[in-house]
Amino acid sequence: MNFETKNKAYKSIMLIIITALITFIITTTGMHNITNTKTENEDFQANYINISQSAEDITTKIELVKKCLENKYIGELDEENMKEMAIKGYVAGLRR
């Protein structure tokens, strides 16, 4: 290979590496801001404490948790699976 061909190949490889690095940095920064902001984490903890202290009825507790998940959870919520697992968890509490 002559010098000009090697230089083009080098430039192409460096461009790909730089593009991948920039994409990684932007994605990582965005995901960090979405998932780990201090105010959201404190808000979630405050909601959890309020749920455990203020709600006496199981239905009220589940509704409060559901509202928190609807506001904070990024993916889709599978309502039927959540109901089934809540019932299983309730029954599993008998084993203690």
Protein backbone atom coordinates (compact mmCIF):
# COMPACT_ATOMS: atom_id res chain seq x y z
CA MET A 1 0.00 0.00 0.00
CA ASN A 2 1.16 3.46 -0.68
CA PHE A 3 1.16 6.29 1.83
CA GLU A 4 -2.05 7.93 0.53
CA THR A 5 -4.09 4.72 0.86
CA LYS A 6 -2.78 4.09 4.38
CA ASN A 7 -3.60 7.67 5.33
CA LYS A 8 -7.22 7.31 4.08
CA ALA A 9 -7.65 4.05 5.97
CA TYR A 10 -6.22 5.61 9.13
CA LYS A 11 -8.55 8.62 8.85
CA SER A 12 -11.58 6.37 8.32
CA ILE A 13 -10.74 4.20 11.33
CA MET A 14 -10.13 7.23 13.55
CA LEU A 15 -13.43 8.80 12.42
CA ILE A 16 -15.31 5.61 13.37
CA ILE A 17 -13.59 5.43 16.76
CA ILE A 18 -14.26 9.10 17.54
CA THR A 19 -17.92 8.76 16.48
CA ALA A 20 -18.36 5.70 18.70
CA LEU A 21 -16.70 7.48 21.63
CA ILE A 22 -18.89 10.58 21.30
CA THR A 23 -22.02 8.41 21.02
CA PHE A 24 -20.99 6.48 24.14
CA ILE A 25 -20.39 9.67 26.15
CA ILE A 26 -23.72 11.23 25.12
CA THR A 27 -25.66 8.04 25.85
CA THR A 28 -23.98 7.48 29.21
CA THR A 29 -24.56 11.07 30.29
CA GLY A 30 -28.20 10.98 29.22
CA MET A 31 -28.92 7.69 30.99
CA HIS A 32 -27.16 8.91 34.13
CA ASN A 33 -29.30 12.03 34.19
CA ILE A 34 -32.48 10.02 33.66
CA THR A 35 -31.87 7.30 36.23
CA ASN A 36 -29.71 8.80 38.96
CA THR A 37 -30.76 12.33 39.70
CA LYS A 38 -30.60 13.07 43.38
CA THR A 39 -33.97 14.79 43.57
CA GLU A 40 -35.79 11.88 41.93
CA ASN A 41 -34.07 9.41 44.24
CA GLU A 42 -34.94 11.48 47.30
CA ASP A 43 -38.50 11.85 46.03
CA PHE A 44 -38.81 8.09 45.59
CA GLN A 45 -37.48 7.47 49.10
CA ALA A 46 -39.87 10.05 50.55
CA ASN A 47 -42.80 8.43 48.72
CA TYR A 48 -41.76 5.00 50.00
CA ILE A 49 -41.59 6.27 53.58
CA ASN A 50 -44.99 7.95 53.18
CA ILE A 51 -46.45 4.72 51.83
CA SER A 52 -45.19 2.64 54.72
CA GLN A 53 -46.19 5.16 57.40
CA SER A 54 -49.47 6.65 56.21
CA ALA A 55 -51.28 3.88 54.36
CA GLU A 56 -53.00 1.36 56.57
CA ASP A 57 -55.12 -0.43 54.01
CA ILE A 58 -53.41 -2.82 51.54
CA THR A 59 -55.39 -1.39 48.63
CA THR A 60 -54.27 2.13 49.44
CA LYS A 61 -50.65 1.02 49.69
CA ILE A 62 -50.80 -0.75 46.34
CA GLU A 63 -52.42 2.29 44.70
CA LEU A 64 -49.68 4.57 46.06
CA VAL A 65 -46.95 2.23 44.79
CA LYS A 66 -48.70 2.03 41.42
CA LYS A 67 -48.82 5.84 41.12
CA CYS A 68 -45.13 6.06 41.99
CA LEU A 69 -44.27 3.43 39.37
CA GLU A 70 -46.39 5.16 36.72
CA ASN A 71 -44.47 8.39 37.35
CA LYS A 72 -40.96 6.97 37.64
CA TYR A 73 -40.75 3.66 35.74
CA ILE A 74 -39.36 4.04 32.22
CA GLY A 75 -40.70 0.81 30.64
CA GLU A 76 -44.22 -0.52 30.28
CA LEU A 77 -46.08 -1.81 33.31
CA ASP A 78 -47.69 -5.24 32.97
CA GLU A 79 -50.76 -4.76 35.16
CA GLU A 80 -51.87 -8.40 35.17
CA ASN A 81 -48.42 -9.70 36.10
CA MET A 82 -48.09 -7.06 38.81
CA LYS A 83 -51.45 -8.06 40.32
CA GLU A 84 -50.54 -11.75 40.25
CA MET A 85 -47.14 -11.13 41.85
CA ALA A 86 -48.71 -8.88 44.52
CA ILE A 87 -51.06 -11.70 45.49
CA LYS A 88 -48.21 -14.22 45.52
CA GLY A 89 -46.18 -11.87 47.71
CA TYR A 90 -49.10 -11.41 50.08
CA VAL A 91 -49.47 -15.19 50.45
CA ALA A 92 -45.70 -15.64 50.75
CA GLY A 93 -45.85 -13.42 53.83
CA LEU A 94 -47.56 -16.28 55.64
CA ARG A 95 -44.36 -18.36 55.57
CA ARG A 96 -42.57 -16.31 58.19
